[in-house]
Amino acid sequence: MPAPSLLILRSQSDQRLVALARDGHERAFEAIVERYRRPLLRHCRRYLPEARAEDALQQALLAAWTALQRGDEVRELRPWLYRIAHNTALNALRVSGYDYEE
């Protein structure tokens, strides 16, 4: 079966993209990344400087792809991605030794 084009995938619902990505369709995950990358990066920038935010986002997206391949349940994509990005950004802060709770 040929892979759906990115143009077609852009019009699909989050649930459909998750199902396709879980089945190993990299283009479906590419459409997810295209849809959420900018807002997730803005979220990471709340906690980290620009370059570190980019790194954290890349780690978060890799974690999301890995979780989908593992078959993790995703009820709602947007909050699931934000939680992963949030936790990744906070972990990056902890590693840096910055006290973000003050």
N, C-alpha and C. Protein backbone atom coordinates (compact mmCIF):
# COMPACT_ATOMS: atom_id res chain seq x y z
N MET A 1 0.85 -1.18 0.00
CA MET A 1 0.00 0.00 0.00
C MET A 1 0.89 1.24 0.00
N PRO A 2 0.71 2.16 -0.94
CA PRO A 2 1.54 3.36 -0.97
C PRO A 2 1.24 4.28 0.21
N ALA A 3 2.26 4.98 0.64
CA ALA A 3 2.09 5.91 1.76
C ALA A 3 1.25 7.09 1.32
N PRO A 4 0.31 7.52 2.19
CA PRO A 4 -0.49 8.70 1.84
C PRO A 4 0.40 9.93 1.74
N SER A 5 0.04 10.85 0.87
CA SER A 5 0.84 12.06 0.72
C SER A 5 0.67 12.96 1.94
N LEU A 6 1.67 13.77 2.17
CA LEU A 6 1.62 14.70 3.29
C LEU A 6 0.46 15.67 3.14
N LEU A 7 0.15 16.04 1.91
CA LEU A 7 -0.96 16.95 1.65
C LEU A 7 -2.28 16.35 2.14
N ILE A 8 -2.50 15.09 1.85
CA ILE A 8 -3.73 14.41 2.30
C ILE A 8 -3.70 14.25 3.82
N LEU A 9 -2.55 13.90 4.36
CA LEU A 9 -2.44 13.68 5.80
C LEU A 9 -2.72 14.94 6.59
N ARG A 10 -2.35 16.09 6.06
CA ARG A 10 -2.60 17.36 6.76
C ARG A 10 -4.07 17.57 7.07
N SER A 11 -4.94 17.00 6.26
CA SER A 11 -6.38 17.20 6.45
C SER A 11 -7.01 16.18 7.39
N GLN A 12 -6.22 15.21 7.85
CA GLN A 12 -6.75 14.15 8.71
C GLN A 12 -6.87 14.62 10.16
N SER A 13 -7.74 13.97 10.90
CA SER A 13 -7.91 14.29 12.32
C SER A 13 -6.69 13.80 13.11
N ASP A 14 -6.53 14.34 14.29
CA ASP A 14 -5.46 13.89 15.17
C ASP A 14 -5.57 12.38 15.42
N GLN A 15 -6.78 11.91 15.66
CA GLN A 15 -6.98 10.49 15.95
C GLN A 15 -6.53 9.61 14.79
N ARG A 16 -6.83 10.03 13.57
CA ARG A 16 -6.43 9.26 12.40
C ARG A 16 -4.92 9.27 12.24
N LEU A 17 -4.30 10.42 12.47
CA LEU A 17 -2.85 10.51 12.37
C LEU A 17 -2.17 9.64 13.42
N VAL A 18 -2.71 9.61 14.62
CA VAL A 18 -2.16 8.76 15.68
C VAL A 18 -2.26 7.30 15.26
N ALA A 19 -3.40 6.89 14.74
CA ALA A 19 -3.58 5.50 14.32
C ALA A 19 -2.58 5.13 13.22
N LEU A 20 -2.41 6.01 12.26
CA LEU A 20 -1.46 5.74 11.18
C LEU A 20 -0.02 5.70 11.69
N ALA A 21 0.33 6.66 12.54
CA ALA A 21 1.69 6.70 13.09
C ALA A 21 1.96 5.46 13.93
N ARG A 22 0.98 5.03 14.69
CA ARG A 22 1.13 3.83 15.51
C ARG A 22 1.40 2.61 14.63
N ASP A 23 0.84 2.63 13.42
CA ASP A 23 1.07 1.54 12.46
C ASP A 23 2.39 1.69 11.70
N GLY A 24 3.17 2.70 12.07
CA GLY A 24 4.49 2.86 11.48
C GLY A 24 4.57 3.81 10.30
N HIS A 25 3.50 4.53 10.01
CA HIS A 25 3.52 5.49 8.89
C HIS A 25 4.25 6.76 9.33
N GLU A 26 5.49 6.88 8.90
CA GLU A 26 6.30 8.03 9.30
C GLU A 26 5.72 9.35 8.79
N ARG A 27 5.10 9.32 7.63
CA ARG A 27 4.52 10.56 7.09
C ARG A 27 3.38 11.07 7.97
N ALA A 28 2.64 10.16 8.57
CA ALA A 28 1.57 10.58 9.49
C ALA A 28 2.18 11.30 10.68
N PHE A 29 3.29 10.77 11.20
CA PHE A 29 3.94 11.45 12.31
C PHE A 29 4.52 12.78 11.85
N GLU A 30 5.01 12.82 10.63
CA GLU A 30 5.51 14.08 10.05
C GLU A 30 4.38 15.13 10.04
N ALA A 31 3.17 14.70 9.72
CA ALA A 31 2.03 15.63 9.72
C ALA A 31 1.71 16.10 11.14
N ILE A 32 1.85 15.20 12.10
CA ILE A 32 1.65 15.58 13.51
C ILE A 32 2.69 16.63 13.91
N VAL A 33 3.94 16.37 13.56
CA VAL A 33 5.01 17.31 13.89
C VAL A 33 4.75 18.66 13.24
N GLU A 34 4.37 18.65 11.98
CA GLU A 34 4.08 19.90 11.27
C GLU A 34 2.95 20.67 11.96
N ARG A 35 1.96 19.96 12.45
CA ARG A 35 0.80 20.59 13.09
C ARG A 35 1.14 21.18 14.45
N TYR A 36 2.00 20.52 15.21
CA TYR A 36 2.21 20.91 16.61
C TYR A 36 3.59 21.47 16.94
N ARG A 37 4.51 21.44 16.01
CA ARG A 37 5.88 21.84 16.32
C ARG A 37 5.98 23.27 16.86
N ARG A 38 5.39 24.22 16.17
CA ARG A 38 5.52 25.62 16.59
C ARG A 38 4.91 25.89 17.97
N PRO A 39 3.68 25.45 18.23
CA PRO A 39 3.15 25.71 19.57
C PRO A 39 3.91 24.96 20.67
N LEU A 40 4.39 23.76 20.37
CA LEU A 40 5.17 23.03 21.36
C LEU A 40 6.51 23.73 21.63
N LEU A 41 7.11 24.28 20.60
CA LEU A 41 8.36 25.02 20.78
C LEU A 41 8.12 26.25 21.64
N ARG A 42 7.03 26.97 21.39
CA ARG A 42 6.70 28.13 22.24
C ARG A 42 6.56 27.69 23.70
N HIS A 43 5.94 26.56 23.90
CA HIS A 43 5.76 26.05 25.26
C HIS A 43 7.11 25.75 25.91
N CYS A 44 7.99 25.09 25.19
CA CYS A 44 9.33 24.78 25.72
C CYS A 44 10.13 26.04 26.02
N ARG A 45 9.92 27.08 25.21
CA ARG A 45 10.64 28.36 25.43
C ARG A 45 10.23 29.04 26.71
N ARG A 46 9.12 28.68 27.29
CA ARG A 46 8.72 29.25 28.58
C ARG A 46 9.69 28.84 29.68
N TYR A 47 10.35 27.71 29.48
CA TYR A 47 11.22 27.16 30.50
C TYR A 47 12.70 27.21 30.15
N LEU A 48 13.00 27.26 28.86
CA LEU A 48 14.38 27.11 28.41
C LEU A 48 14.75 28.18 27.39
N PRO A 49 16.04 28.50 27.29
CA PRO A 49 16.49 29.39 26.21
C PRO A 49 16.30 28.70 24.86
N GLU A 50 16.37 29.49 23.81
CA GLU A 50 16.05 29.03 22.44
C GLU A 50 16.69 27.70 22.05
N ALA A 51 17.99 27.61 22.10
CA ALA A 51 18.67 26.39 21.65
C ALA A 51 18.29 25.19 22.51
N ARG A 52 18.19 25.39 23.80
CA ARG A 52 17.80 24.29 24.71
C ARG A 52 16.35 23.90 24.48
N ALA A 53 15.50 24.87 24.16
CA ALA A 53 14.10 24.57 23.87
C ALA A 53 13.98 23.70 22.62
N GLU A 54 14.77 24.03 21.60
CA GLU A 54 14.79 23.22 20.36
C GLU A 54 15.21 21.79 20.68
N ASP A 55 16.27 21.65 21.48
CA ASP A 55 16.75 20.31 21.84
C ASP A 55 15.68 19.54 22.61
N ALA A 56 15.06 20.21 23.56
CA ALA A 56 14.02 19.56 24.37
C ALA A 56 12.85 19.13 23.48
N LEU A 57 12.48 19.97 22.54
CA LEU A 57 11.37 19.62 21.65
C LEU A 57 11.74 18.40 20.80
N GLN A 58 12.95 18.36 20.28
CA GLN A 58 13.37 17.20 19.50
C GLN A 58 13.32 15.93 20.34
N GLN A 59 13.77 16.01 21.58
CA GLN A 59 13.71 14.86 22.49
C GLN A 59 12.27 14.46 22.75
N ALA A 60 11.40 15.45 22.94
CA ALA A 60 9.98 15.16 23.20
C ALA A 60 9.33 14.49 22.00
N LEU A 61 9.63 14.97 20.80
CA LEU A 61 9.04 14.37 19.60
C LEU A 61 9.55 12.95 19.40
N LEU A 62 10.81 12.72 19.69
CA LEU A 62 11.35 11.37 19.60
C LEU A 62 10.66 10.46 20.62
N ALA A 63 10.45 10.98 21.82
CA ALA A 63 9.76 10.20 22.86
C ALA A 63 8.33 9.88 22.43
N ALA A 64 7.67 10.83 21.78
CA ALA A 64 6.30 10.61 21.31
C ALA A 64 6.28 9.53 20.23
N TRP A 65 7.19 9.61 19.28
CA TRP A 65 7.27 8.60 18.21
C TRP A 65 7.51 7.21 18.83
N THR A 66 8.45 7.14 19.76
CA THR A 66 8.77 5.88 20.41
C THR A 66 7.56 5.32 21.16
N ALA A 67 6.85 6.19 21.84
CA ALA A 67 5.65 5.75 22.58
C ALA A 67 4.58 5.23 21.62
N LEU A 68 4.41 5.90 20.50
CA LEU A 68 3.42 5.43 19.52
C LEU A 68 3.83 4.07 18.96
N GLN A 69 5.10 3.90 18.67
CA GLN A 69 5.58 2.62 18.15
C GLN A 69 5.43 1.49 19.16
N ARG A 70 5.51 1.86 20.43
CA ARG A 70 5.35 0.90 21.53
C ARG A 70 3.88 0.53 21.72
N GLY A 71 2.99 1.37 21.17
CA GLY A 71 1.56 1.11 21.29
C GLY A 71 0.89 1.81 22.45
N ASP A 72 1.56 2.82 23.03
CA ASP A 72 0.95 3.56 24.14
C ASP A 72 -0.39 4.16 23.72
N GLU A 73 -1.31 4.19 24.66
CA GLU A 73 -2.63 4.76 24.39
C GLU A 73 -2.56 6.29 24.38
N VAL A 74 -3.20 6.87 23.39
CA VAL A 74 -3.26 8.33 23.27
C VAL A 74 -4.73 8.69 23.12
N ARG A 75 -5.31 9.22 24.16
CA ARG A 75 -6.73 9.60 24.09
C ARG A 75 -6.92 10.89 23.32
N GLU A 76 -6.13 11.90 23.67
CA GLU A 76 -6.17 13.18 22.97
C GLU A 76 -4.74 13.59 22.67
N LEU A 77 -4.44 13.76 21.40
CA LEU A 77 -3.07 14.00 20.96
C LEU A 77 -2.48 15.28 21.53
N ARG A 78 -3.20 16.38 21.42
CA ARG A 78 -2.64 17.68 21.82
C ARG A 78 -2.17 17.69 23.28
N PRO A 79 -3.02 17.35 24.25
CA PRO A 79 -2.54 17.38 25.63
C PRO A 79 -1.44 16.34 25.91
N TRP A 80 -1.50 15.22 25.20
CA TRP A 80 -0.48 14.19 25.35
C TRP A 80 0.88 14.73 24.91
N LEU A 81 0.92 15.39 23.76
CA LEU A 81 2.17 15.97 23.27
C LEU A 81 2.68 17.08 24.20
N TYR A 82 1.75 17.92 24.67
CA TYR A 82 2.16 19.00 25.57
C TYR A 82 2.74 18.43 26.87
N ARG A 83 2.16 17.36 27.38
CA ARG A 83 2.68 16.76 28.62
C ARG A 83 4.09 16.24 28.39
N ILE A 84 4.32 15.57 27.26
CA ILE A 84 5.65 15.06 26.96
C ILE A 84 6.64 16.23 26.83
N ALA A 85 6.27 17.27 26.10
CA ALA A 85 7.16 18.42 25.91
C ALA A 85 7.43 19.13 27.24
N HIS A 86 6.40 19.28 28.05
CA HIS A 86 6.52 19.92 29.36
C HIS A 86 7.51 19.15 30.24
N ASN A 87 7.30 17.84 30.33
CA ASN A 87 8.17 17.01 31.17
C ASN A 87 9.61 17.02 30.66
N THR A 88 9.77 17.00 29.35
CA THR A 88 11.11 17.03 28.77
C THR A 88 11.80 18.35 29.08
N ALA A 89 11.08 19.45 28.98
CA ALA A 89 11.65 20.77 29.29
C ALA A 89 12.03 20.86 30.77
N LEU A 90 11.16 20.37 31.64
CA LEU A 90 11.48 20.41 33.08
C LEU A 90 12.69 19.53 33.40
N ASN A 91 12.78 18.38 32.76
CA ASN A 91 13.94 17.52 32.96
C ASN A 91 15.22 18.22 32.51
N ALA A 92 15.15 18.95 31.40
CA ALA A 92 16.31 19.70 30.93
C ALA A 92 16.71 20.77 31.94
N LEU A 93 15.73 21.38 32.58
CA LEU A 93 16.03 22.38 33.63
C LEU A 93 16.71 21.72 34.82
N ARG A 94 16.21 20.56 35.22
CA ARG A 94 16.80 19.86 36.36
C ARG A 94 18.26 19.52 36.08
N VAL A 95 18.52 19.02 34.88
CA VAL A 95 19.88 18.65 34.50
C VAL A 95 20.80 19.86 34.51
N SER A 96 20.26 21.02 34.12
CA SER A 96 21.08 22.24 34.07
C SER A 96 21.36 22.80 35.46
N GLY A 97 20.60 22.34 36.47
CA GLY A 97 20.81 22.83 37.83
C GLY A 97 20.06 24.10 38.14
N TYR A 98 19.27 24.59 37.19
CA TYR A 98 18.50 25.82 37.41
C TYR A 98 17.32 25.53 38.31
N ASP A 99 17.09 26.39 39.30
CA ASP A 99 15.98 26.21 40.23
C ASP A 99 14.76 26.93 39.67
N TYR A 100 13.91 26.20 38.97
CA TYR A 100 12.77 26.81 38.30
C TYR A 100 11.57 27.02 39.21
N GLU A 101 11.65 26.57 40.47
CA GLU A 101 10.51 26.68 41.37
C GLU A 101 10.51 27.97 42.16
N GLU A 102 11.56 28.73 42.11
CA GLU A 102 11.61 29.98 42.90
C GLU A 102 10.83 31.07 42.25
